[in-house]
Protein backbone atom coordinates (compact mmCIF):
# COMPACT_ATOMS: atom_id res chain seq x y z
CA UNK A 1 13.74 -3.96 -15.90
CA UNK A 2 9.99 -3.33 -15.72
CA UNK A 3 8.52 -0.82 -13.31
CA UNK A 4 5.70 -1.94 -11.07
CA UNK A 5 3.31 0.67 -9.63
CA UNK A 6 0.36 -0.06 -7.40
CA UNK A 7 -1.31 1.16 -4.25
CA UNK A 8 -4.20 0.83 -1.83
CA UNK A 9 -6.65 3.51 -0.64
CA UNK A 10 -6.73 3.93 3.17
CA UNK A 11 -10.50 4.43 3.41
CA UNK A 12 -11.10 1.56 5.84
CA UNK A 13 -9.60 -1.43 7.53
CA UNK A 14 -7.82 -3.87 5.25
CA UNK A 15 -9.50 -7.19 4.57
CA UNK A 16 -8.43 -10.68 3.62
CA UNK A 17 -9.38 -9.69 0.06
CA UNK A 18 -6.79 -6.88 0.12
CA UNK A 19 -4.17 -9.39 1.18
CA UNK A 20 -5.10 -12.11 -1.32
CA UNK A 21 -5.79 -9.73 -4.21
CA UNK A 22 -2.98 -7.23 -3.84
CA UNK A 23 -0.55 -7.29 -0.94
CA UNK A 24 0.49 -10.93 -1.33
CA UNK A 25 1.19 -10.26 -5.01
CA UNK A 26 3.19 -7.12 -4.20
CA UNK A 27 5.53 -9.26 -2.10
CA UNK A 28 5.69 -11.95 -4.78
CA UNK A 29 6.67 -9.63 -7.66
CA UNK A 30 8.92 -7.24 -5.78
CA UNK A 31 12.04 -8.93 -7.21
CA UNK A 32 10.69 -9.08 -10.79
CA UNK A 33 11.22 -5.41 -11.57
CA UNK A 34 11.47 -1.97 -10.02
CA UNK A 35 8.50 -1.83 -7.62
CA UNK A 36 6.82 1.36 -6.41
CA UNK A 37 4.06 0.53 -3.92
CA UNK A 38 2.12 3.39 -2.37
CA UNK A 39 -0.67 4.37 -0.03
CA UNK A 40 -3.23 6.31 -2.08
CA UNK A 41 -4.22 8.83 0.59
CA UNK A 42 -5.14 11.56 -1.91
CA UNK A 43 -7.61 9.19 -3.60
CA UNK A 44 -9.26 8.70 -0.21
CA UNK A 45 -10.25 12.37 -0.13
CA UNK A 46 -13.10 11.75 -2.56
CA UNK A 47 -15.11 10.53 0.45
CA UNK A 48 -15.73 12.31 3.75
CA UNK A 49 -13.10 10.91 6.15
CA UNK A 50 -11.78 12.11 9.48
CA UNK A 51 -8.12 13.22 9.09
CA UNK A 52 -7.09 11.20 12.16
CA UNK A 53 -8.72 8.07 10.73
CA UNK A 54 -7.00 8.63 7.38
CA UNK A 55 -3.62 8.97 9.12
CA UNK A 56 -4.17 5.84 11.20
CA UNK A 57 -5.35 3.79 8.22
CA UNK A 58 -2.34 4.97 6.20
CA UNK A 59 0.02 3.92 8.99
CA UNK A 60 -1.72 0.54 9.22
CA UNK A 61 -1.31 -0.10 5.49
CA UNK A 62 2.40 0.69 5.70
CA UNK A 63 2.70 -1.79 8.57
CA UNK A 64 0.79 -4.45 6.59
CA UNK A 65 3.09 -3.95 3.61
CA UNK A 66 6.12 -4.62 5.78
CA UNK A 67 4.47 -7.51 7.64
CA UNK A 68 3.55 -9.16 4.32
CA UNK A 69 7.19 -9.23 3.29
CA UNK A 70 7.74 -6.10 1.22
CA UNK A 71 11.42 -5.29 1.55
CA UNK A 72 12.13 -1.53 1.75
CA UNK A 73 15.62 -2.23 0.40
CA UNK A 74 14.20 -3.42 -2.93
CA UNK A 75 10.74 -1.80 -2.98
CA UNK A 76 9.98 1.91 -2.87
CA UNK A 77 7.07 2.32 -0.44
CA UNK A 78 5.58 5.81 -0.26
CA UNK A 79 2.58 7.92 0.72
CA UNK A 80 0.94 9.41 -2.38
CA UNK A 81 0.68 12.87 -0.87
């Protein structure tokens, strides 16, 4: 079984491009292997960002993952830090 690893940086609000380019595909391939989908909060620290904004954006991404159909029973969803 292949491992799948991918994530999104929480540096701003998600866009339709994030959904079409990544999140929709995460949901589609989650049963094709062993998926690990994360929120890349440590990668977001390369830019100046308010800690409260980073936390809120990270929480929003987790909610979008679930809303898009990622199943926490089959997909490991985690915060990079």
